[in-house]
C-alpha atoms as a PDB file:
ATOM      1  CA  MET A   1       0.084  -0.164   0.007  1.00  0.00           C
ATOM      2  CA  ARG A   2       1.499   2.580  -0.714  1.00  0.00           C
ATOM      3  CA  HIS A   3       2.210   6.128   1.671  1.00  0.00           C
ATOM      4  CA  THR A   4      -0.320   9.321   1.180  1.00  0.00           C
ATOM      5  CA  PHE A   5       1.374  12.117   2.091  1.00  0.00           C
ATOM      6  CA  ARG A   6      -0.221  14.845   3.468  1.00  0.00           C
ATOM      7  CA  TYR A   7       0.027  19.239   2.706  1.00  0.00           C
ATOM      8  CA  LEU A   8      -0.704  22.155   4.950  1.00  0.00           C
ATOM      9  CA  VAL A   9      -2.850  24.354   2.971  1.00  0.00           C
ATOM     10  CA  PRO A  10      -5.071  27.096   5.336  1.00  0.00           C
ATOM     11  CA  ASP A  11      -6.948  27.955   2.676  1.00  0.00           C
ATOM     12  CA  VAL A  12      -8.274  24.678   0.581  1.00  0.00           C
ATOM     13  CA  PRO A  13     -10.729  26.020  -2.376  1.00  0.00           C
ATOM     14  CA  GLY A  14     -14.057  23.661  -2.984  1.00  0.00           C
ATOM     15  CA  GLU A  15     -14.275  20.742  -4.940  1.00  0.00           C
ATOM     16  CA  GLY A  16     -13.002  20.374  -8.458  1.00  0.00           C
ATOM     17  CA  ALA A  17     -10.740  23.631  -7.569  1.00  0.00           C
ATOM     18  CA  GLU A  18      -6.696  23.839  -8.880  1.00  0.00           C
ATOM     19  CA  LEU A  19      -4.150  25.326  -6.217  1.00  0.00           C
ATOM     20  CA  ALA A  20      -0.402  25.304  -6.150  1.00  0.00           C
ATOM     21  CA  LEU A  21       1.549  23.451  -3.283  1.00  0.00           C
ATOM     22  CA  PRO A  22       4.009  26.619  -1.576  1.00  0.00           C
ATOM     23  CA  PRO A  23       8.114  26.380  -2.935  1.00  0.00           C
ATOM     24  CA  ALA A  24       9.071  24.319   0.266  1.00  0.00           C
ATOM     25  CA  ASP A  25       5.858  21.500  -0.484  1.00  0.00           C
ATOM     26  CA  SER A  26       6.402  21.226  -4.449  1.00  0.00           C
ATOM     27  CA  HIS A  27       9.838  19.947  -3.877  1.00  0.00           C
ATOM     28  CA  HIS A  28       9.207  17.720  -1.098  1.00  0.00           C
ATOM     29  CA  LEU A  29       6.009  16.390  -3.484  1.00  0.00           C
ATOM     30  CA  ALA A  30       8.656  16.121  -6.794  1.00  0.00           C
ATOM     31  CA  ARG A  31      12.134  15.727  -5.701  1.00  0.00           C
ATOM     32  CA  VAL A  32      11.744  13.433  -2.733  1.00  0.00           C
ATOM     33  CA  VAL A  33       8.774  11.645  -2.449  1.00  0.00           C
ATOM     34  CA  ARG A  34       8.471  11.795  -6.720  1.00  0.00           C
ATOM     35  CA  ARG A  35       4.483  12.092  -6.699  1.00  0.00           C
ATOM     36  CA  ARG A  36       3.727  12.215 -10.625  1.00  0.00           C
ATOM     37  CA  ALA A  37       0.008  13.660 -12.198  1.00  0.00           C
ATOM     38  CA  GLY A  38      -1.659  11.106 -10.862  1.00  0.00           C
ATOM     39  CA  ASP A  39      -0.631  10.392  -8.257  1.00  0.00           C
ATOM     40  CA  ALA A  40      -3.060  10.873  -4.506  1.00  0.00           C
ATOM     41  CA  VAL A  41      -2.232  13.096  -2.453  1.00  0.00           C
ATOM     42  CA  GLU A  42      -3.997  14.812   0.780  1.00  0.00           C
ATOM     43  CA  LEU A  43      -4.421  18.716   1.956  1.00  0.00           C
ATOM     44  CA  ILE A  44      -5.088  19.374   5.375  1.00  0.00           C
ATOM     45  CA  ASP A  45      -6.160  22.435   7.028  1.00  0.00           C
ATOM     46  CA  GLY A  46      -4.579  22.355  10.837  1.00  0.00           C
ATOM     47  CA  GLY A  47      -8.331  22.560  11.776  1.00  0.00           C
ATOM     48  CA  GLY A  48      -9.448  19.316  11.588  1.00  0.00           C
ATOM     49  CA  ARG A  49     -10.804  19.261   8.302  1.00  0.00           C
ATOM     50  CA  LEU A  50      -8.894  16.969   5.162  1.00  0.00           C
ATOM     51  CA  TRP A  51      -9.196  17.079   1.468  1.00  0.00           C
ATOM     52  CA  PRO A  52      -8.411  13.815  -0.669  1.00  0.00           C
ATOM     53  CA  ALA A  53      -6.508  15.778  -3.822  1.00  0.00           C
ATOM     54  CA  VAL A  54      -4.931  14.234  -6.919  1.00  0.00           C
ATOM     55  CA  VAL A  55      -1.484  15.322  -8.838  1.00  0.00           C
ATOM     56  CA  THR A  56      -2.533  17.315 -11.630  1.00  0.00           C
ATOM     57  CA  ASP A  57       1.553  18.746 -12.416  1.00  0.00           C
ATOM     58  CA  PRO A  58       4.629  18.215 -10.492  1.00  0.00           C
ATOM     59  CA  GLY A  59       5.710  21.035 -11.191  1.00  0.00           C
ATOM     60  CA  PRO A  60       7.635  23.518  -9.857  1.00  0.00           C
ATOM     61  CA  PRO A  61       4.994  24.619  -8.267  1.00  0.00           C
ATOM     62  CA  ALA A  62       3.218  21.698  -8.067  1.00  0.00           C
ATOM     63  CA  ARG A  63      -0.196  21.783  -9.096  1.00  0.00           C
ATOM     64  CA  VAL A  64      -3.286  19.693  -7.115  1.00  0.00           C
ATOM     65  CA  ARG A  65      -7.201  19.160  -7.934  1.00  0.00           C
ATOM     66  CA  VAL A  66      -9.190  19.432  -4.973  1.00  0.00           C
ATOM     67  CA  ALA A  67     -11.797  16.578  -4.567  1.00  0.00           C
ATOM     68  CA  ALA A  68     -14.673  16.539  -1.877  1.00  0.00           C
ATOM     69  CA  PRO A  69     -13.857  16.607   1.573  1.00  0.00           C
ATOM     70  CA  ARG A  70     -13.865  13.349   4.117  1.00  0.00           C
ATOM     71  CA  PRO A  71     -14.179  13.228   8.099  1.00  0.00           C
ATOM     72  CA  ALA A  72     -10.923  13.880  10.062  1.00  0.00           C
ATOM     73  CA  PRO A  73     -10.370  12.243  13.515  1.00  0.00           C
ATOM     74  CA  GLY A  74     -12.293  14.429  16.003  1.00  0.00           C
ATOM     75  CA  PRO A  75     -11.117  16.310  18.931  1.00  0.00           C
ATOM     76  CA  THR A  76      -9.918  14.622  21.383  1.00  0.00           C
ATOM     77  CA  GLY A  77     -10.322  16.030  24.803  1.00  0.00           C
ATOM     78  CA  VAL A  78      -6.918  15.511  25.949  1.00  0.00           C
ATOM     79  CA  SER A  79      -3.927  18.097  26.444  1.00  0.00           C
ATOM     80  CA  LEU A  80      -0.049  17.414  27.593  1.00  0.00           C
ATOM     81  CA  TRP A  81       1.736  19.590  29.758  1.00  0.00           C
ATOM     82  CA  MET A  82       4.966  19.199  29.971  1.00  0.00           C
ATOM     83  CA  GLY A  83       8.363  19.745  31.989  1.00  0.00           C
ATOM     84  CA  LEU A  84      11.335  20.664  30.609  1.00  0.00           C
ATOM     85  CA  ALA A  85      13.404  17.804  29.264  1.00  0.00           C
ATOM     86  CA  GLU A  86      16.359  17.128  27.248  1.00  0.00           C
ATOM     87  CA  TRP A  87      15.175  19.000  23.640  1.00  0.00           C
ATOM     88  CA  GLY A  88      15.887  15.258  21.639  1.00  0.00           C
ATOM     89  CA  ARG A  89      13.571  13.522  24.459  1.00  0.00           C
ATOM     90  CA  LEU A  90      11.004  16.893  24.127  1.00  0.00           C
ATOM     91  CA  ASP A  91      11.083  16.528  20.966  1.00  0.00           C
ATOM     92  CA  MET A  92       9.628  12.447  21.072  1.00  0.00           C
ATOM     93  CA  ALA A  93       6.743  13.116  23.193  1.00  0.00           C
ATOM     94  CA  VAL A  94       5.406  16.956  21.493  1.00  0.00           C
ATOM     95  CA  GLU A  95       5.686  14.699  17.847  1.00  0.00           C
ATOM     96  CA  LYS A  96       4.100  10.967  19.310  1.00  0.00           C
ATOM     97  CA  ALA A  97       1.304  13.650  21.253  1.00  0.00           C
ATOM     98  CA  SER A  98       0.591  15.032  18.113  1.00  0.00           C
ATOM     99  CA  GLU A  99       0.434  12.060  16.713  1.00  0.00           C
ATOM    100  CA  LEU A 100      -2.171  11.280  18.845  1.00  0.00           C
ATOM    101  CA  GLY A 101      -4.154  13.588  18.702  1.00  0.00           C
ATOM    102  CA  VAL A 102      -3.838  16.105  21.600  1.00  0.00           C
ATOM    103  CA  GLU A 103      -5.310  19.837  21.147  1.00  0.00           C
ATOM    104  CA  GLU A 104      -2.226  21.120  23.371  1.00  0.00           C
ATOM    105  CA  VAL A 105       1.159  20.539  24.202  1.00  0.00           C
ATOM    106  CA  VAL A 106       2.170  23.185  27.275  1.00  0.00           C
ATOM    107  CA  LEU A 107       5.709  23.276  28.017  1.00  0.00           C
ATOM    108  CA  PHE A 108       6.219  24.999  31.686  1.00  0.00           C
ATOM    109  CA  SER A 109       9.623  25.513  33.826  1.00  0.00           C
ATOM    110  CA  SER A 110       9.887  23.690  37.288  1.00  0.00           C
ATOM    111  CA  ASP A 111      12.052  23.489  40.651  1.00  0.00           C
ATOM    112  CA  ARG A 112      13.882  20.604  39.299  1.00  0.00           C
ATOM    113  CA  ALA A 113      13.968  21.565  35.695  1.00  0.00           C
ATOM    114  CA  ARG A 114      18.260  21.546  35.500  1.00  0.00           C
ATOM    115  CA  ARG A 115      18.278  23.596  32.819  1.00  0.00           C
ATOM    116  CA  VAL A 116      15.839  26.857  31.216  1.00  0.00           C
ATOM    117  CA  PRO A 117      16.849  27.781  28.393  1.00  0.00           C
ATOM    118  CA  GLU A 118      16.821  31.314  27.704  1.00  0.00           C
ATOM    119  CA  PRO A 119      14.437  33.160  26.009  1.00  0.00           C
ATOM    120  CA  ASP A 120      16.004  33.763  22.667  1.00  0.00           C
ATOM    121  CA  ALA A 121      16.977  30.429  22.766  1.00  0.00           C
ATOM    122  CA  TRP A 122      13.971  28.580  23.887  1.00  0.00           C
ATOM    123  CA  ARG A 123      12.280  30.460  20.481  1.00  0.00           C
ATOM    124  CA  ARG A 124      14.266  29.144  18.129  1.00  0.00           C
ATOM    125  CA  ARG A 125      13.198  25.251  20.378  1.00  0.00           C
ATOM    126  CA  ARG A 126       9.790  26.577  20.168  1.00  0.00           C
ATOM    127  CA  ASP A 127       9.592  26.518  16.638  1.00  0.00           C
ATOM    128  CA  ARG A 128      11.496  23.765  15.818  1.00  0.00           C
ATOM    129  CA  LEU A 129       8.527  21.796  18.257  1.00  0.00           C
ATOM    130  CA  ALA A 130       6.374  23.356  16.194  1.00  0.00           C
ATOM    131  CA  ARG A 131       7.688  21.708  12.673  1.00  0.00           C
ATOM    132  CA  VAL A 132       7.632  18.698  15.342  1.00  0.00           C
ATOM    133  CA  ALA A 133       4.100  19.218  15.800  1.00  0.00           C
ATOM    134  CA  GLU A 134       3.081  20.097  12.286  1.00  0.00           C
ATOM    135  CA  ALA A 135       4.783  17.018  10.742  1.00  0.00           C
ATOM    136  CA  ALA A 136       3.669  14.509  12.883  1.00  0.00           C
ATOM    137  CA  ALA A 137       0.201  15.368  12.545  1.00  0.00           C
ATOM    138  CA  ARG A 138       0.506  15.675   8.660  1.00  0.00           C
ATOM    139  CA  GLN A 139       1.464  11.741   9.024  1.00  0.00           C
ATOM    140  CA  SER A 140      -0.768  11.217  11.400  1.00  0.00           C
ATOM    141  CA  GLY A 141      -3.358  12.602   8.964  1.00  0.00           C
ATOM    142  CA  GLN A 142      -5.377  14.082  11.990  1.00  0.00           C
ATOM    143  CA  GLY A 143      -6.612  16.937  10.342  1.00  0.00           C
ATOM    144  CA  ARG A 144      -5.202  19.702  12.764  1.00  0.00           C
ATOM    145  CA  LEU A 145      -1.865  21.070  14.262  1.00  0.00           C
ATOM    146  CA  PRO A 146      -2.145  21.369  17.898  1.00  0.00           C
ATOM    147  CA  ARG A 147      -1.668  24.212  19.919  1.00  0.00           C
ATOM    148  CA  LEU A 148       1.512  24.835  20.832  1.00  0.00           C
ATOM    149  CA  ARG A 149       2.548  27.142  24.358  1.00  0.00           C
ATOM    150  CA  GLY A 150       5.491  27.724  26.726  1.00  0.00           C
ATOM    151  CA  LEU A 151       7.515  28.225  28.431  1.00  0.00           C
ATOM    152  CA  VAL A 152       5.503  28.986  31.828  1.00  0.00           C
ATOM    153  CA  PRO A 153       6.288  28.765  35.143  1.00  0.00           C
ATOM    154  CA  PHE A 154       4.537  25.686  36.561  1.00  0.00           C
ATOM    155  CA  ALA A 155       2.149  28.122  39.171  1.00  0.00           C
ATOM    156  CA  GLU A 156       0.688  29.832  35.941  1.00  0.00           C
ATOM    157  CA  ALA A 157       0.605  26.238  34.333  1.00  0.00           C
ATOM    158  CA  LEU A 158      -1.944  25.427  37.172  1.00  0.00           C
ATOM    159  CA  ASP A 159      -4.106  28.959  37.030  1.00  0.00           C
ATOM    160  CA  GLY A 160      -4.681  26.724  33.714  1.00  0.00           C
ATOM    161  CA  VAL A 161      -6.053  23.966  34.556  1.00  0.00           C
ATOM    162  CA  PRO A 162      -9.766  24.512  34.577  1.00  0.00           C
ATOM    163  CA  PRO A 163     -11.275  22.156  37.613  1.00  0.00           C
ATOM    164  CA  GLY A 164     -11.849  18.577  37.336  1.00  0.00           C
ATOM    165  CA  GLU A 165      -9.885  18.188  34.235  1.00  0.00           C
ATOM    166  CA  GLY A 166      -6.307  18.180  35.321  1.00  0.00           C
ATOM    167  CA  TYR A 167      -4.037  14.915  36.514  1.00  0.00           C
ATOM    168  CA  LEU A 168      -0.714  15.800  37.601  1.00  0.00           C
ATOM    169  CA  ILE A 169       1.599  12.280  36.732  1.00  0.00           C
ATOM    170  CA  ASP A 170       3.972  11.288  39.701  1.00  0.00           C
ATOM    171  CA  PRO A 171       5.310   7.479  41.354  1.00  0.00           C
ATOM    172  CA  ARG A 172       3.716   9.292  44.479  1.00  0.00           C
ATOM    173  CA  GLY A 173      -0.059   9.590  43.490  1.00  0.00           C
ATOM    174  CA  GLU A 174      -2.608   7.934  45.624  1.00  0.00           C
ATOM    175  CA  ALA A 175      -4.516   6.782  42.852  1.00  0.00           C
ATOM    176  CA  PRO A 176      -4.051   4.897  38.510  1.00  0.00           C
ATOM    177  CA  LEU A 177      -4.408   7.294  36.472  1.00  0.00           C
ATOM    178  CA  THR A 178      -7.008   4.689  34.857  1.00  0.00           C
ATOM    179  CA  ALA A 179      -9.180   4.385  37.583  1.00  0.00           C
ATOM    180  CA  ALA A 180      -8.760   8.975  37.893  1.00  0.00           C
ATOM    181  CA  LEU A 181      -9.671   9.274  34.191  1.00  0.00           C
ATOM    182  CA  ALA A 182     -13.578   8.210  35.061  1.00  0.00           C
ATOM    183  CA  GLY A 183     -14.137  10.770  36.690  1.00  0.00           C
ATOM    184  CA  ALA A 184     -12.680  13.011  33.302  1.00  0.00           C
ATOM    185  CA  ALA A 185     -14.752  16.575  33.634  1.00  0.00           C
ATOM    186  CA  GLY A 186     -16.862  16.973  30.121  1.00  0.00           C
ATOM    187  CA  GLY A 187     -14.839  14.356  28.869  1.00  0.00           C
ATOM    188  CA  ARG A 188     -11.633  16.036  29.314  1.00  0.00           C
ATOM    189  CA  ALA A 189      -8.345  15.987  30.296  1.00  0.00           C
ATOM    190  CA  ARG A 190      -4.781  18.268  31.024  1.00  0.00           C
ATOM    191  CA  LEU A 191      -2.374  15.936  31.863  1.00  0.00           C
ATOM    192  CA  VAL A 192       0.858  17.200  33.426  1.00  0.00           C
ATOM    193  CA  VAL A 193       4.255  15.004  33.249  1.00  0.00           C
ATOM    194  CA  GLY A 194       7.236  16.784  35.124  1.00  0.00           C
ATOM    195  CA  PRO A 195      11.137  16.812  33.882  1.00  0.00           C
ATOM    196  CA  ASP A 196      12.714  14.160  34.124  1.00  0.00           C
ATOM    197  CA  ALA A 197      14.060  14.945  37.954  1.00  0.00           C
ATOM    198  CA  GLY A 198      10.225  14.733  39.004  1.00  0.00           C
ATOM    199  CA  PHE A 199       7.968  17.183  41.098  1.00  0.00           C
ATOM    200  CA  SER A 200       9.088  18.977  44.357  1.00  0.00           C
ATOM    201  CA  GLU A 201       6.679  17.436  47.544  1.00  0.00           C
ATOM    202  CA  GLU A 202       5.512  21.587  47.259  1.00  0.00           C
ATOM    203  CA  GLU A 203       5.282  21.409  43.700  1.00  0.00           C
ATOM    204  CA  LEU A 204       3.194  18.505  44.643  1.00  0.00           C
ATOM    205  CA  ALA A 205       0.859  20.356  47.503  1.00  0.00           C
ATOM    206  CA  ALA A 206       0.160  22.869  45.116  1.00  0.00           C
ATOM    207  CA  ALA A 207      -1.156  20.972  42.372  1.00  0.00           C
ATOM    208  CA  ARG A 208      -3.420  18.827  44.817  1.00  0.00           C
ATOM    209  CA  ARG A 209      -4.433  22.758  46.298  1.00  0.00           C
ATOM    210  CA  ALA A 210      -5.242  24.013  42.797  1.00  0.00           C
ATOM    211  CA  GLY A 211      -7.679  20.315  42.460  1.00  0.00           C
ATOM    212  CA  LEU A 212      -4.725  18.221  40.273  1.00  0.00           C
ATOM    213  CA  VAL A 213      -5.341  14.723  41.045  1.00  0.00           C
ATOM    214  CA  VAL A 214      -1.497  12.985  41.390  1.00  0.00           C
ATOM    215  CA  CYS A 215      -1.881   9.892  39.649  1.00  0.00           C
ATOM    216  CA  GLY A 216       0.615   7.204  38.713  1.00  0.00           C
ATOM    217  CA  LEU A 217       1.703   5.339  36.222  1.00  0.00           C
ATOM    218  CA  GLY A 218       2.036   1.514  38.121  1.00  0.00           C
ATOM    219  CA  ALA A 219       5.602   0.841  39.883  1.00  0.00           C
ATOM    220  CA  ALA A 220       7.927   1.930  36.967  1.00  0.00           C
ATOM    221  CA  VAL A 221       9.671   4.899  36.853  1.00  0.00           C
ATOM    222  CA  LEU A 222       9.704   6.147  33.692  1.00  0.00           C
ATOM    223  CA  ARG A 223      11.278   8.830  31.980  1.00  0.00           C
ATOM    224  CA  ALA A 224       9.651  12.164  30.776  1.00  0.00           C
ATOM    225  CA  GLU A 225       8.606  11.706  27.165  1.00  0.00           C
ATOM    226  CA  THR A 226       7.912   7.855  28.422  1.00  0.00           C
ATOM    227  CA  ALA A 227       5.543   9.148  30.684  1.00  0.00           C
ATOM    228  CA  ALA A 228       3.732  11.056  28.683  1.00  0.00           C
ATOM    229  CA  ILE A 229       3.336   8.728  25.585  1.00  0.00           C
ATOM    230  CA  VAL A 230       1.764   6.443  28.381  1.00  0.00           C
ATOM    231  CA  ALA A 231      -0.111   8.856  30.344  1.00  0.00           C
ATOM    232  CA  VAL A 232      -2.031  10.738  26.232  1.00  0.00           C
ATOM    233  CA  SER A 233      -2.759   6.645  25.571  1.00  0.00           C
ATOM    234  CA  VAL A 234      -4.270   5.683  28.585  1.00  0.00           C
ATOM    235  CA  ALA A 235      -6.604   8.820  28.661  1.00  0.00           C
ATOM    236  CA  LEU A 236      -7.566   9.034  25.468  1.00  0.00           C
ATOM    237  CA  ALA A 237      -8.138   5.441  26.056  1.00  0.00           C
ATOM    238  CA  ALA A 238     -10.345   5.805  29.561  1.00  0.00           C
ATOM    239  CA  LEU A 239     -12.331   8.952  27.237  1.00  0.00           C
ATOM    240  CA  GLY A 240     -13.308   6.590  24.542  1.00  0.00           C
ATOM    241  CA  ARG A 241     -10.967   8.333  21.814  1.00  0.00           C
ATOM    242  CA  LEU A 242      -8.405   6.311  21.383  1.00  0.00           C
ATOM    243  CA  GLY A 243      -8.899   3.838  17.892  1.00  0.00           C
ATOM    244  CA  ALA A 244     -12.614   5.594  17.590  1.00  0.00           C
ATOM    245  CA  PRO A 245     -14.052   6.441  14.572  1.00  0.00           C
ATOM    246  CA  ALA A 246     -13.924  10.035  12.686  1.00  0.00           C
END
């Protein structure tokens, strides 16, 4: 089965119309993946819509004819709030969370974060994370891009979690995540995962005061990116969003 390549096009015309892809996507289509006239591709708008399309001219610029839209996976109700980790591992967490369809990724600094980047370095890293999230959403056919925010202090992250939706992941948790999610408010879950060194006692106390449930993921002590991916998967399954039809 041939892989379907997807391209982000914010303004997609109606069925039967043709459009030209931007230079970078045109190069990718013609020179990297070598699509030809008649080959199928798909277009997403980043907001949850997806259109099959057919290459009419590989260009440059590459031109495609738009077909009728098809259903894309719906909103999941799951967001990931994650502490700082090594850059490559943070990339992995954002990539996999985006593939799974999280609606938002918020990065925060905390007491035990080993190194907090300067503003300029963080802006460059945030731009990279946005590209990672876009590529993952395109590859997986999600049709929507997760919102990406940060870097914010841990206290600000807590303030942004609505009552009844917050679940902080920590081995000292009083309940398994699967059990805690049984009472997820409105079918939504904000998952808060710390840095590799975990949360301080003061941060755990602050999270409980803010109404978050402190949850465990089993006996093993997981790395930050592993905990994030597992927590997102567990939440999607508990909310009936993992493997659900579009």
